[in-house]
Amino acid sequence: MHLPLYPNLNVHLRSDFTPDLIHDLTFSKLDLALVANPGANRKLITTKVSESPLYVVLPETSSLASKGSVTLSDLSDERWILFERKAHPDMTTLSCGGQRRKKLSFVVDKRC
């Protein structure tokens, strides 16, 4: 990538799982990474650059589809399909023991 205003800056783009990016930052293999949720790490400084809602995809026939948002309690009887833990550790934690965090809510997007 060439940025004319910064001719001496070298930018190399790469995509990887958050834990791998955090590992590489910790061991100085990377200078910067954009990740969904880095978790607590005393060796790193984090700055939130954006915030996005978390979406639930439901069939039109679901009783939850008519709600504007749903909570973890609402989803307790639903079947979840998730990425493996390495891809999104926080979602795996929520699905396995997330009932402790009942205040979390999801946006129901009717455009899908």
C-alpha atoms as a PDB file:
ATOM      1  CA  MET A   1       0.000   0.000   0.000  1.00  0.00           C
ATOM      2  CA  HIS A   2       1.380   3.406  -0.947  1.00  0.00           C
ATOM      3  CA  LEU A   3       0.263   6.520   0.958  1.00  0.00           C
ATOM      4  CA  PRO A   4       1.565   9.655  -0.828  1.00  0.00           C
ATOM      5  CA  LEU A   5       1.363  11.824   2.317  1.00  0.00           C
ATOM      6  CA  TYR A   6       3.538   9.312   4.197  1.00  0.00           C
ATOM      7  CA  PRO A   7       6.201   8.113   1.738  1.00  0.00           C
ATOM      8  CA  ASN A   8       8.326   6.409   4.423  1.00  0.00           C
ATOM      9  CA  LEU A   9       5.472   4.430   5.938  1.00  0.00           C
ATOM     10  CA  ASN A  10       5.271   0.737   5.081  1.00  0.00           C
ATOM     11  CA  VAL A  11       1.860  -0.839   5.500  1.00  0.00           C
ATOM     12  CA  HIS A  12       1.379  -4.582   5.184  1.00  0.00           C
ATOM     13  CA  LEU A  13      -2.181  -5.872   5.514  1.00  0.00           C
ATOM     14  CA  ARG A  14      -2.921  -9.287   6.944  1.00  0.00           C
ATOM     15  CA  SER A  15      -5.936 -11.055   8.376  1.00  0.00           C
ATOM     16  CA  ASP A  16      -5.724 -13.477  11.286  1.00  0.00           C
ATOM     17  CA  PHE A  17      -7.535 -14.634  14.405  1.00  0.00           C
ATOM     18  CA  THR A  18      -7.560 -12.178  17.320  1.00  0.00           C
ATOM     19  CA  PRO A  19      -5.498 -14.398  19.678  1.00  0.00           C
ATOM     20  CA  ASP A  20      -2.811 -14.761  17.000  1.00  0.00           C
ATOM     21  CA  LEU A  21      -2.697 -11.017  16.356  1.00  0.00           C
ATOM     22  CA  ILE A  22      -2.466 -10.312  20.094  1.00  0.00           C
ATOM     23  CA  HIS A  23       0.371 -12.833  20.383  1.00  0.00           C
ATOM     24  CA  ASP A  24       2.271 -11.207  17.515  1.00  0.00           C
ATOM     25  CA  LEU A  25       1.806  -7.743  19.044  1.00  0.00           C
ATOM     26  CA  THR A  26       3.042  -8.981  22.406  1.00  0.00           C
ATOM     27  CA  PHE A  27       6.196 -10.404  20.833  1.00  0.00           C
ATOM     28  CA  SER A  28       6.814  -7.340  18.601  1.00  0.00           C
ATOM     29  CA  LYS A  29       6.058  -9.124  15.333  1.00  0.00           C
ATOM     30  CA  LEU A  30       3.399  -6.463  14.622  1.00  0.00           C
ATOM     31  CA  ASP A  31       3.252  -2.743  15.375  1.00  0.00           C
ATOM     32  CA  LEU A  32      -0.539  -2.427  15.279  1.00  0.00           C
ATOM     33  CA  ALA A  33      -3.632  -4.623  14.916  1.00  0.00           C
ATOM     34  CA  LEU A  34      -7.348  -3.934  14.558  1.00  0.00           C
ATOM     35  CA  VAL A  35      -9.283  -6.606  16.451  1.00  0.00           C
ATOM     36  CA  ALA A  36     -12.871  -7.128  17.628  1.00  0.00           C
ATOM     37  CA  ASN A  37     -12.073  -7.518  21.330  1.00  0.00           C
ATOM     38  CA  PRO A  38      -8.504  -7.831  22.559  1.00  0.00           C
ATOM     39  CA  GLY A  39      -9.371  -8.629  26.171  1.00  0.00           C
ATOM     40  CA  ALA A  40      -7.195  -7.495  29.064  1.00  0.00           C
ATOM     41  CA  ASN A  41      -3.448  -7.504  28.481  1.00  0.00           C
ATOM     42  CA  ARG A  42      -1.080  -5.408  30.602  1.00  0.00           C
ATOM     43  CA  LYS A  43       1.538  -5.428  27.845  1.00  0.00           C
ATOM     44  CA  LEU A  44      -0.739  -3.693  25.323  1.00  0.00           C
ATOM     45  CA  ILE A  45      -2.519  -0.369  25.088  1.00  0.00           C
ATOM     46  CA  THR A  46      -5.957  -0.470  23.490  1.00  0.00           C
ATOM     47  CA  THR A  47      -8.113   2.285  22.050  1.00  0.00           C
ATOM     48  CA  LYS A  48     -11.688   1.772  20.892  1.00  0.00           C
ATOM     49  CA  VAL A  49     -12.020   3.060  17.322  1.00  0.00           C
ATOM     50  CA  SER A  50     -15.626   2.026  16.674  1.00  0.00           C
ATOM     51  CA  GLU A  51     -18.580   0.207  18.172  1.00  0.00           C
ATOM     52  CA  SER A  52     -20.904  -2.100  16.291  1.00  0.00           C
ATOM     53  CA  PRO A  53     -24.091  -3.863  17.290  1.00  0.00           C
ATOM     54  CA  LEU A  54     -24.133  -7.633  17.485  1.00  0.00           C
ATOM     55  CA  TYR A  55     -26.746  -9.148  15.180  1.00  0.00           C
ATOM     56  CA  VAL A  56     -28.869 -12.259  15.564  1.00  0.00           C
ATOM     57  CA  VAL A  57     -30.124 -13.919  12.404  1.00  0.00           C
ATOM     58  CA  LEU A  58     -33.501 -15.622  12.866  1.00  0.00           C
ATOM     59  CA  PRO A  59     -36.001 -17.266  10.541  1.00  0.00           C
ATOM     60  CA  GLU A  60     -39.085 -15.146   9.833  1.00  0.00           C
ATOM     61  CA  THR A  61     -41.174 -17.739  11.648  1.00  0.00           C
ATOM     62  CA  SER A  62     -39.336 -17.219  14.947  1.00  0.00           C
ATOM     63  CA  SER A  63     -41.335 -15.583  17.720  1.00  0.00           C
ATOM     64  CA  LEU A  64     -38.276 -13.405  18.384  1.00  0.00           C
ATOM     65  CA  ALA A  65     -38.181 -11.987  14.841  1.00  0.00           C
ATOM     66  CA  SER A  66     -40.811  -9.361  15.633  1.00  0.00           C
ATOM     67  CA  LYS A  67     -38.774  -7.899  18.512  1.00  0.00           C
ATOM     68  CA  GLY A  68     -36.466  -4.936  17.975  1.00  0.00           C
ATOM     69  CA  SER A  69     -33.814  -6.508  20.182  1.00  0.00           C
ATOM     70  CA  VAL A  70     -33.343  -9.711  22.119  1.00  0.00           C
ATOM     71  CA  THR A  71     -31.376 -10.656  25.240  1.00  0.00           C
ATOM     72  CA  LEU A  72     -29.372 -13.752  26.081  1.00  0.00           C
ATOM     73  CA  SER A  73     -32.330 -14.929  28.142  1.00  0.00           C
ATOM     74  CA  ASP A  74     -34.539 -14.671  25.042  1.00  0.00           C
ATOM     75  CA  LEU A  75     -32.062 -16.879  23.187  1.00  0.00           C
ATOM     76  CA  SER A  76     -31.649 -19.515  25.888  1.00  0.00           C
ATOM     77  CA  ASP A  77     -33.833 -22.089  24.071  1.00  0.00           C
ATOM     78  CA  GLU A  78     -32.439 -21.366  20.599  1.00  0.00           C
ATOM     79  CA  ARG A  79     -29.782 -23.392  18.793  1.00  0.00           C
ATOM     80  CA  TRP A  80     -26.588 -21.365  18.285  1.00  0.00           C
ATOM     81  CA  ILE A  81     -24.168 -21.620  15.380  1.00  0.00           C
ATOM     82  CA  LEU A  82     -20.814 -20.042  16.189  1.00  0.00           C
ATOM     83  CA  PHE A  83     -17.311 -19.773  14.866  1.00  0.00           C
ATOM     84  CA  GLU A  84     -14.747 -21.933  16.622  1.00  0.00           C
ATOM     85  CA  ARG A  85     -13.283 -20.438  19.830  1.00  0.00           C
ATOM     86  CA  LYS A  86     -10.117 -19.288  18.055  1.00  0.00           C
ATOM     87  CA  ALA A  87     -12.142 -17.189  15.607  1.00  0.00           C
ATOM     88  CA  HIS A  88     -14.293 -15.464  18.225  1.00  0.00           C
ATOM     89  CA  PRO A  89     -13.470 -16.417  21.815  1.00  0.00           C
ATOM     90  CA  ASP A  90     -15.957 -13.978  23.385  1.00  0.00           C
ATOM     91  CA  MET A  91     -18.948 -15.400  21.530  1.00  0.00           C
ATOM     92  CA  THR A  92     -17.962 -18.927  22.545  1.00  0.00           C
ATOM     93  CA  THR A  93     -17.771 -17.814  26.165  1.00  0.00           C
ATOM     94  CA  LEU A  94     -21.173 -16.135  25.912  1.00  0.00           C
ATOM     95  CA  SER A  95     -22.830 -19.189  24.438  1.00  0.00           C
ATOM     96  CA  CYS A  96     -21.336 -21.546  27.029  1.00  0.00           C
ATOM     97  CA  GLY A  97     -21.731 -19.471  30.167  1.00  0.00           C
ATOM     98  CA  GLY A  98     -23.332 -16.284  29.023  1.00  0.00           C
ATOM     99  CA  GLN A  99     -26.353 -16.491  31.270  1.00  0.00           C
ATOM    100  CA  ARG A 100     -24.265 -14.562  33.802  1.00  0.00           C
ATOM    101  CA  ARG A 101     -24.401 -11.584  31.401  1.00  0.00           C
ATOM    102  CA  LYS A 102     -28.141 -11.239  30.832  1.00  0.00           C
ATOM    103  CA  LYS A 103     -27.899  -7.495  30.170  1.00  0.00           C
ATOM    104  CA  LEU A 104     -26.269  -8.085  26.789  1.00  0.00           C
ATOM    105  CA  SER A 105     -28.702  -7.422  23.955  1.00  0.00           C
ATOM    106  CA  PHE A 106     -28.676  -8.180  20.231  1.00  0.00           C
ATOM    107  CA  VAL A 107     -30.208  -6.222  17.363  1.00  0.00           C
ATOM    108  CA  VAL A 108     -32.781  -8.040  15.236  1.00  0.00           C
ATOM    109  CA  ASP A 109     -32.116  -6.944  11.646  1.00  0.00           C
ATOM    110  CA  LYS A 110     -35.163  -7.455   9.411  1.00  0.00           C
ATOM    111  CA  ARG A 111     -33.285  -6.532   6.205  1.00  0.00           C
ATOM    112  CA  CYS A 112     -31.751 -10.024   5.848  1.00  0.00           C
END
